[in-house]
Amino acid sequence: MSEKHLVTTQWKGNLTFQSEIDGHKLIMDAPEEGGGKDLGPSPKKLLLTAIAGCSGMDVVLILKKMRVDFDKLDIEVEGELGEEHPKYYEKMHVIYTITGKNVPLSKVEKAVKLSEETFCGVGALYRKAIDVTSEIVLVES
């Protein structure tokens, strides 16, 4: 049987919504210039967060299994919106910045590739619809 997930979302007035995800509350809102009160991130930008978190968790777990020591992993995701409505991300670019001492690039590349091609369901779904690219930046500590 397939696994199902459930998220509940309630309107809180104006353009504010609150979702409950596994007992965690998340507020979404529009910026003030868009008619909201800027009480939380916009729903669309959460798509960028989803791929960063999904792939980031994979990369950390894979690097730990490879016994690669690192101090820090930062992930930036740049989303490029189309011009016409409905406006959606036509491209995403994921930048993995890994800080550590003598971190082997080949192992980081393998971890990112495994996340992108095998494990990260968010990225797999996005890649069916849009162009998703990535790059790795190593910072020596």
N, C-alpha and C. Protein backbone atom coordinates (compact mmCIF):
# COMPACT_ATOMS: atom_id res chain seq x y z
N MET A 1 0.84 -1.18 0.00
CA MET A 1 0.00 0.00 0.00
C MET A 1 0.88 1.24 0.00
N SER A 2 0.48 2.26 -0.71
CA SER A 2 1.27 3.48 -0.80
C SER A 2 1.15 4.31 0.47
N GLU A 3 2.20 5.06 0.73
CA GLU A 3 2.22 5.95 1.89
C GLU A 3 1.51 7.24 1.54
N LYS A 4 0.71 7.75 2.47
CA LYS A 4 0.01 9.01 2.25
C LYS A 4 0.43 10.00 3.32
N HIS A 5 0.51 11.25 2.94
CA HIS A 5 0.80 12.33 3.87
C HIS A 5 -0.39 13.28 3.89
N LEU A 6 -0.64 13.89 5.04
CA LEU A 6 -1.75 14.83 5.17
C LEU A 6 -1.25 16.11 5.80
N VAL A 7 -1.58 17.21 5.18
CA VAL A 7 -1.28 18.54 5.70
C VAL A 7 -2.62 19.28 5.78
N THR A 8 -2.88 19.90 6.91
CA THR A 8 -4.10 20.70 7.02
C THR A 8 -3.73 22.18 7.01
N THR A 9 -4.55 22.98 6.35
CA THR A 9 -4.27 24.41 6.21
C THR A 9 -5.55 25.19 6.50
N GLN A 10 -5.40 26.22 7.34
CA GLN A 10 -6.53 27.06 7.72
C GLN A 10 -6.25 28.50 7.35
N TRP A 11 -7.28 29.15 6.85
CA TRP A 11 -7.22 30.58 6.57
C TRP A 11 -7.28 31.33 7.89
N LYS A 12 -6.38 32.27 8.10
CA LYS A 12 -6.31 33.03 9.34
C LYS A 12 -6.68 34.49 9.16
N GLY A 13 -7.25 34.83 8.00
CA GLY A 13 -7.63 36.21 7.73
C GLY A 13 -6.69 36.85 6.73
N ASN A 14 -7.20 37.85 6.04
CA ASN A 14 -6.45 38.55 5.01
C ASN A 14 -5.86 37.51 4.04
N LEU A 15 -4.55 37.47 3.86
CA LEU A 15 -3.91 36.47 2.99
C LEU A 15 -3.05 35.49 3.77
N THR A 16 -3.30 35.39 5.07
CA THR A 16 -2.51 34.54 5.96
C THR A 16 -3.16 33.16 6.09
N PHE A 17 -2.33 32.14 5.95
CA PHE A 17 -2.76 30.75 6.13
C PHE A 17 -1.80 30.06 7.08
N GLN A 18 -2.33 29.13 7.87
CA GLN A 18 -1.49 28.33 8.76
C GLN A 18 -1.66 26.87 8.42
N SER A 19 -0.56 26.21 8.15
CA SER A 19 -0.57 24.77 7.88
C SER A 19 -0.03 24.04 9.09
N GLU A 20 -0.57 22.84 9.31
CA GLU A 20 -0.02 21.96 10.33
C GLU A 20 0.53 20.74 9.63
N ILE A 21 1.82 20.49 9.88
CA ILE A 21 2.53 19.39 9.24
C ILE A 21 3.15 18.55 10.35
N ASP A 22 2.61 17.38 10.57
CA ASP A 22 3.14 16.47 11.61
C ASP A 22 3.29 17.17 12.95
N GLY A 23 2.31 18.00 13.30
CA GLY A 23 2.33 18.70 14.59
C GLY A 23 3.09 20.01 14.58
N HIS A 24 3.72 20.34 13.47
CA HIS A 24 4.45 21.61 13.34
C HIS A 24 3.57 22.62 12.62
N LYS A 25 3.58 23.83 13.11
CA LYS A 25 2.77 24.89 12.49
C LYS A 25 3.65 25.75 11.59
N LEU A 26 3.11 26.11 10.45
CA LEU A 26 3.81 26.94 9.47
C LEU A 26 2.86 28.03 8.99
N ILE A 27 3.29 29.27 9.11
CA ILE A 27 2.49 30.41 8.65
C ILE A 27 2.96 30.81 7.25
N MET A 28 2.01 31.01 6.36
CA MET A 28 2.30 31.52 5.01
C MET A 28 1.52 32.81 4.83
N ASP A 29 2.13 33.74 4.12
CA ASP A 29 1.47 35.02 3.88
C ASP A 29 2.08 35.65 2.63
N ALA A 30 1.46 36.68 2.17
CA ALA A 30 1.97 37.47 1.05
C ALA A 30 2.71 38.67 1.62
N PRO A 31 3.67 39.21 0.86
CA PRO A 31 4.33 40.45 1.32
C PRO A 31 3.32 41.60 1.33
N GLU A 32 3.67 42.65 2.04
CA GLU A 32 2.76 43.79 2.16
C GLU A 32 2.42 44.39 0.80
N GLU A 33 3.41 44.46 -0.11
CA GLU A 33 3.13 45.02 -1.43
C GLU A 33 2.19 44.13 -2.25
N GLY A 34 2.01 42.88 -1.81
CA GLY A 34 1.10 41.97 -2.48
C GLY A 34 -0.25 41.85 -1.78
N GLY A 35 -0.46 42.67 -0.75
CA GLY A 35 -1.74 42.68 -0.05
C GLY A 35 -1.74 41.90 1.25
N GLY A 36 -0.63 41.28 1.59
CA GLY A 36 -0.55 40.53 2.84
C GLY A 36 0.05 41.37 3.96
N LYS A 37 0.40 40.68 5.04
CA LYS A 37 1.02 41.35 6.19
C LYS A 37 2.43 40.83 6.43
N ASP A 38 2.94 40.02 5.52
CA ASP A 38 4.31 39.49 5.60
C ASP A 38 4.56 38.75 6.91
N LEU A 39 3.60 37.92 7.33
CA LEU A 39 3.72 37.17 8.58
C LEU A 39 4.46 35.85 8.40
N GLY A 40 4.77 35.50 7.17
CA GLY A 40 5.47 34.25 6.90
C GLY A 40 5.88 34.22 5.44
N PRO A 41 6.58 33.15 5.05
CA PRO A 41 7.02 33.05 3.66
C PRO A 41 5.85 32.83 2.71
N SER A 42 6.07 33.16 1.46
CA SER A 42 5.05 32.89 0.45
C SER A 42 5.05 31.41 0.11
N PRO A 43 3.91 30.84 -0.21
CA PRO A 43 3.85 29.42 -0.54
C PRO A 43 4.79 29.04 -1.68
N LYS A 44 4.90 29.88 -2.68
CA LYS A 44 5.73 29.54 -3.84
C LYS A 44 7.19 29.36 -3.44
N LYS A 45 7.70 30.23 -2.57
CA LYS A 45 9.10 30.14 -2.15
C LYS A 45 9.36 28.90 -1.31
N LEU A 46 8.31 28.34 -0.72
CA LEU A 46 8.50 27.09 0.03
C LEU A 46 8.90 25.94 -0.89
N LEU A 47 8.59 26.05 -2.19
CA LEU A 47 9.06 25.05 -3.14
C LEU A 47 10.59 25.02 -3.19
N LEU A 48 11.21 26.19 -3.09
CA LEU A 48 12.67 26.28 -3.07
C LEU A 48 13.22 25.66 -1.79
N THR A 49 12.55 25.92 -0.69
CA THR A 49 12.95 25.36 0.59
C THR A 49 12.84 23.84 0.59
N ALA A 50 11.81 23.33 -0.05
CA ALA A 50 11.57 21.88 -0.05
C ALA A 50 12.72 21.12 -0.71
N ILE A 51 13.20 21.59 -1.85
CA ILE A 51 14.29 20.88 -2.52
C ILE A 51 15.58 21.03 -1.73
N ALA A 52 15.81 22.19 -1.11
CA ALA A 52 17.02 22.39 -0.31
C ALA A 52 17.04 21.44 0.89
N GLY A 53 15.93 21.36 1.58
CA GLY A 53 15.86 20.48 2.75
C GLY A 53 15.96 19.01 2.38
N CYS A 54 15.24 18.62 1.35
CA CYS A 54 15.23 17.22 0.91
C CYS A 54 16.62 16.78 0.48
N SER A 55 17.22 17.51 -0.42
CA SER A 55 18.54 17.15 -0.91
C SER A 55 19.60 17.32 0.17
N GLY A 56 19.49 18.36 0.97
CA GLY A 56 20.45 18.58 2.05
C GLY A 56 20.50 17.44 3.03
N MET A 57 19.34 16.92 3.41
CA MET A 57 19.30 15.77 4.33
C MET A 57 19.99 14.56 3.70
N ASP A 58 19.71 14.33 2.42
CA ASP A 58 20.37 13.22 1.71
C ASP A 58 21.88 13.38 1.73
N VAL A 59 22.35 14.56 1.34
CA VAL A 59 23.79 14.81 1.23
C VAL A 59 24.47 14.60 2.59
N VAL A 60 23.89 15.11 3.65
CA VAL A 60 24.47 14.94 4.99
C VAL A 60 24.54 13.45 5.34
N LEU A 61 23.45 12.73 5.16
CA LEU A 61 23.44 11.30 5.49
C LEU A 61 24.47 10.52 4.66
N ILE A 62 24.55 10.81 3.38
CA ILE A 62 25.49 10.10 2.50
C ILE A 62 26.93 10.43 2.89
N LEU A 63 27.23 11.69 3.12
CA LEU A 63 28.59 12.06 3.51
C LEU A 63 28.98 11.44 4.85
N LYS A 64 28.03 11.37 5.78
CA LYS A 64 28.30 10.72 7.07
C LYS A 64 28.62 9.24 6.86
N LYS A 65 27.85 8.56 5.99
CA LYS A 65 28.12 7.14 5.70
C LYS A 65 29.48 6.96 5.03
N MET A 66 29.90 7.96 4.25
CA MET A 66 31.21 7.92 3.59
C MET A 66 32.33 8.34 4.55
N ARG A 67 31.96 8.72 5.77
CA ARG A 67 32.90 9.19 6.79
C ARG A 67 33.66 10.44 6.35
N VAL A 68 32.93 11.32 5.69
CA VAL A 68 33.49 12.60 5.28
C VAL A 68 33.17 13.62 6.37
N ASP A 69 34.21 14.19 6.94
CA ASP A 69 34.02 15.22 7.96
C ASP A 69 33.90 16.58 7.30
N PHE A 70 32.93 17.36 7.75
CA PHE A 70 32.75 18.73 7.27
C PHE A 70 32.15 19.54 8.40
N ASP A 71 32.35 20.84 8.33
CA ASP A 71 31.88 21.72 9.40
C ASP A 71 30.51 22.31 9.13
N LYS A 72 30.23 22.52 7.85
CA LYS A 72 29.03 23.28 7.53
C LYS A 72 28.55 22.94 6.12
N LEU A 73 27.24 22.92 5.96
CA LEU A 73 26.63 22.76 4.64
C LEU A 73 25.57 23.83 4.50
N ASP A 74 25.74 24.70 3.51
CA ASP A 74 24.75 25.73 3.21
C ASP A 74 24.21 25.44 1.82
N ILE A 75 22.91 25.61 1.65
CA ILE A 75 22.29 25.35 0.36
C ILE A 75 21.48 26.58 -0.03
N GLU A 76 21.78 27.10 -1.19
CA GLU A 76 21.00 28.20 -1.77
C GLU A 76 20.26 27.63 -2.97
N VAL A 77 19.03 28.05 -3.15
CA VAL A 77 18.26 27.64 -4.33
C VAL A 77 17.74 28.90 -5.00
N GLU A 78 18.13 29.08 -6.24
CA GLU A 78 17.66 30.21 -7.04
C GLU A 78 16.55 29.71 -7.94
N GLY A 79 15.39 30.32 -7.85
CA GLY A 79 14.27 29.96 -8.69
C GLY A 79 13.98 31.05 -9.70
N GLU A 80 13.80 30.67 -10.96
CA GLU A 80 13.53 31.64 -12.02
C GLU A 80 12.08 31.49 -12.47
N LEU A 81 11.30 32.54 -12.22
CA LEU A 81 9.88 32.53 -12.57
C LEU A 81 9.66 32.88 -14.03
N GLY A 82 8.64 32.29 -14.63
CA GLY A 82 8.23 32.65 -15.98
C GLY A 82 7.53 33.99 -15.97
N GLU A 83 7.29 34.51 -17.16
CA GLU A 83 6.69 35.84 -17.31
C GLU A 83 5.16 35.82 -17.25
N GLU A 84 4.54 34.74 -17.73
CA GLU A 84 3.09 34.70 -17.89
C GLU A 84 2.42 33.96 -16.73
N HIS A 85 1.15 34.28 -16.53
CA HIS A 85 0.35 33.62 -15.49
C HIS A 85 -0.18 32.29 -16.01
N PRO A 86 -0.21 31.27 -15.20
CA PRO A 86 0.26 31.26 -13.82
C PRO A 86 1.78 31.27 -13.77
N LYS A 87 2.33 32.14 -12.94
CA LYS A 87 3.79 32.24 -12.83
C LYS A 87 4.30 31.09 -11.97
N TYR A 88 5.19 30.33 -12.55
CA TYR A 88 5.79 29.21 -11.83
C TYR A 88 7.28 29.19 -12.13
N TYR A 89 8.01 28.43 -11.31
CA TYR A 89 9.45 28.33 -11.52
C TYR A 89 9.71 27.51 -12.78
N GLU A 90 10.40 28.11 -13.73
CA GLU A 90 10.79 27.41 -14.94
C GLU A 90 12.17 26.79 -14.80
N LYS A 91 12.96 27.34 -13.88
CA LYS A 91 14.30 26.84 -13.62
C LYS A 91 14.60 26.97 -12.14
N MET A 92 15.40 26.03 -11.64
CA MET A 92 15.94 26.12 -10.29
C MET A 92 17.41 25.76 -10.37
N HIS A 93 18.20 26.48 -9.58
CA HIS A 93 19.63 26.19 -9.51
C HIS A 93 19.98 26.03 -8.04
N VAL A 94 20.53 24.87 -7.68
CA VAL A 94 20.86 24.53 -6.30
C VAL A 94 22.37 24.67 -6.12
N ILE A 95 22.78 25.45 -5.12
CA ILE A 95 24.19 25.66 -4.83
C ILE A 95 24.51 25.09 -3.45
N TYR A 96 25.34 24.05 -3.44
CA TYR A 96 25.77 23.40 -2.21
C TYR A 96 27.13 23.98 -1.83
N THR A 97 27.20 24.65 -0.69
CA THR A 97 28.48 25.19 -0.20
C THR A 97 28.86 24.39 1.04
N ILE A 98 29.97 23.67 0.93
CA ILE A 98 30.42 22.80 2.01
C ILE A 98 31.74 23.34 2.55
N THR A 99 31.75 23.56 3.86
CA THR A 99 32.93 24.09 4.52
C THR A 99 33.55 22.99 5.38
N GLY A 100 34.86 22.85 5.27
CA GLY A 100 35.58 21.87 6.07
C GLY A 100 37.04 21.84 5.70
N LYS A 101 37.77 20.96 6.37
CA LYS A 101 39.20 20.83 6.13
C LYS A 101 39.43 19.61 5.24
N ASN A 102 40.01 19.84 4.09
CA ASN A 102 40.34 18.76 3.14
C ASN A 102 39.14 17.89 2.76
N VAL A 103 37.99 18.52 2.53
CA VAL A 103 36.80 17.78 2.11
C VAL A 103 37.01 17.31 0.66
N PRO A 104 36.91 15.99 0.42
CA PRO A 104 37.15 15.48 -0.94
C PRO A 104 36.00 15.80 -1.89
N LEU A 105 36.31 16.57 -2.93
CA LEU A 105 35.30 16.98 -3.90
C LEU A 105 34.61 15.77 -4.54
N SER A 106 35.37 14.72 -4.84
CA SER A 106 34.79 13.55 -5.51
C SER A 106 33.68 12.91 -4.67
N LYS A 107 33.84 12.89 -3.36
CA LYS A 107 32.82 12.29 -2.48
C LYS A 107 31.60 13.21 -2.37
N VAL A 108 31.84 14.50 -2.34
CA VAL A 108 30.72 15.45 -2.31
C VAL A 108 29.93 15.35 -3.62
N GLU A 109 30.64 15.28 -4.74
CA GLU A 109 29.97 15.13 -6.04
C GLU A 109 29.13 13.86 -6.07
N LYS A 110 29.66 12.77 -5.52
CA LYS A 110 28.92 11.51 -5.49
C LYS A 110 27.67 11.62 -4.61
N ALA A 111 27.82 12.28 -3.46
CA ALA A 111 26.68 12.45 -2.55
C ALA A 111 25.58 13.29 -3.20
N VAL A 112 25.97 14.37 -3.85
CA VAL A 112 24.98 15.23 -4.52
C VAL A 112 24.31 14.46 -5.66
N LYS A 113 25.09 13.72 -6.43
CA LYS A 113 24.54 12.96 -7.55
C LYS A 113 23.55 11.89 -7.05
N LEU A 114 23.89 11.20 -5.97
CA LEU A 114 22.97 10.21 -5.40
C LEU A 114 21.67 10.86 -4.93
N SER A 115 21.79 12.02 -4.30
CA SER A 115 20.59 12.73 -3.87
C SER A 115 19.73 13.09 -5.07
N GLU A 116 20.37 13.68 -6.08
CA GLU A 116 19.62 14.16 -7.25
C GLU A 116 19.02 13.02 -8.07
N GLU A 117 19.73 11.93 -8.21
CA GLU A 117 19.29 10.87 -9.13
C GLU A 117 18.56 9.71 -8.45
N THR A 118 18.71 9.58 -7.13
CA THR A 118 18.15 8.40 -6.47
C THR A 118 17.22 8.70 -5.31
N PHE A 119 17.60 9.64 -4.43
CA PHE A 119 16.92 9.74 -3.15
C PHE A 119 15.94 10.89 -2.99
N CYS A 120 16.22 12.06 -3.50
CA CYS A 120 15.39 13.24 -3.20
C CYS A 120 14.13 13.25 -4.07
N GLY A 121 13.01 12.90 -3.46
CA GLY A 121 11.74 12.86 -4.18
C GLY A 121 11.25 14.23 -4.63
N VAL A 122 11.59 15.26 -3.87
CA VAL A 122 11.19 16.61 -4.25
C VAL A 122 11.87 16.99 -5.56
N GLY A 123 13.18 16.80 -5.63
CA GLY A 123 13.92 17.11 -6.84
C GLY A 123 13.48 16.27 -8.02
N ALA A 124 13.19 14.99 -7.76
CA ALA A 124 12.73 14.11 -8.84
C ALA A 124 11.42 14.61 -9.44
N LEU A 125 10.52 15.07 -8.59
CA LEU A 125 9.25 15.61 -9.08
C LEU A 125 9.48 16.90 -9.87
N TYR A 126 10.29 17.80 -9.32
CA TYR A 126 10.55 19.06 -10.00
C TYR A 126 11.19 18.83 -11.37
N ARG A 127 12.12 17.88 -11.44
CA ARG A 127 12.82 17.63 -12.71
C ARG A 127 11.89 17.12 -13.81
N LYS A 128 10.75 16.60 -13.44
CA LYS A 128 9.77 16.16 -14.45
C LYS A 128 9.12 17.35 -15.15
N ALA A 129 9.18 18.52 -14.51
CA ALA A 129 8.48 19.69 -15.04
C ALA A 129 9.39 20.86 -15.41
N ILE A 130 10.54 20.97 -14.75
CA ILE A 130 11.39 22.14 -14.97
C ILE A 130 12.87 21.74 -15.01
N ASP A 131 13.69 22.68 -15.43
CA ASP A 131 15.13 22.50 -15.49
C ASP A 131 15.71 22.77 -14.10
N VAL A 132 16.35 21.74 -13.51
CA VAL A 132 16.99 21.89 -12.20
C VAL A 132 18.47 21.59 -12.38
N THR A 133 19.31 22.56 -12.03
CA THR A 133 20.75 22.40 -12.14
C THR A 133 21.37 22.59 -10.74
N SER A 134 22.66 22.23 -10.64
CA SER A 134 23.31 22.39 -9.34
C SER A 134 24.80 22.66 -9.52
N GLU A 135 25.39 23.13 -8.44
CA GLU A 135 26.83 23.31 -8.39
C GLU A 135 27.29 23.11 -6.97
N ILE A 136 28.58 22.80 -6.82
CA ILE A 136 29.19 22.56 -5.52
C ILE A 136 30.31 23.57 -5.32
N VAL A 137 30.33 24.17 -4.13
CA VAL A 137 31.38 25.10 -3.75
C VAL A 137 32.03 24.54 -2.48
N LEU A 138 33.34 24.30 -2.53
CA LEU A 138 34.07 23.86 -1.35
C LEU A 138 34.79 25.05 -0.74
N VAL A 139 34.66 25.19 0.59
CA VAL A 139 35.33 26.26 1.31
C VAL A 139 36.23 25.60 2.35
N GLU A 140 37.51 25.90 2.28
CA GLU A 140 38.49 25.33 3.23
C GLU A 140 38.39 26.08 4.55
N SER A 141 38.32 25.32 5.66
CA SER A 141 38.23 25.97 6.98
C SER A 141 39.54 25.85 7.72
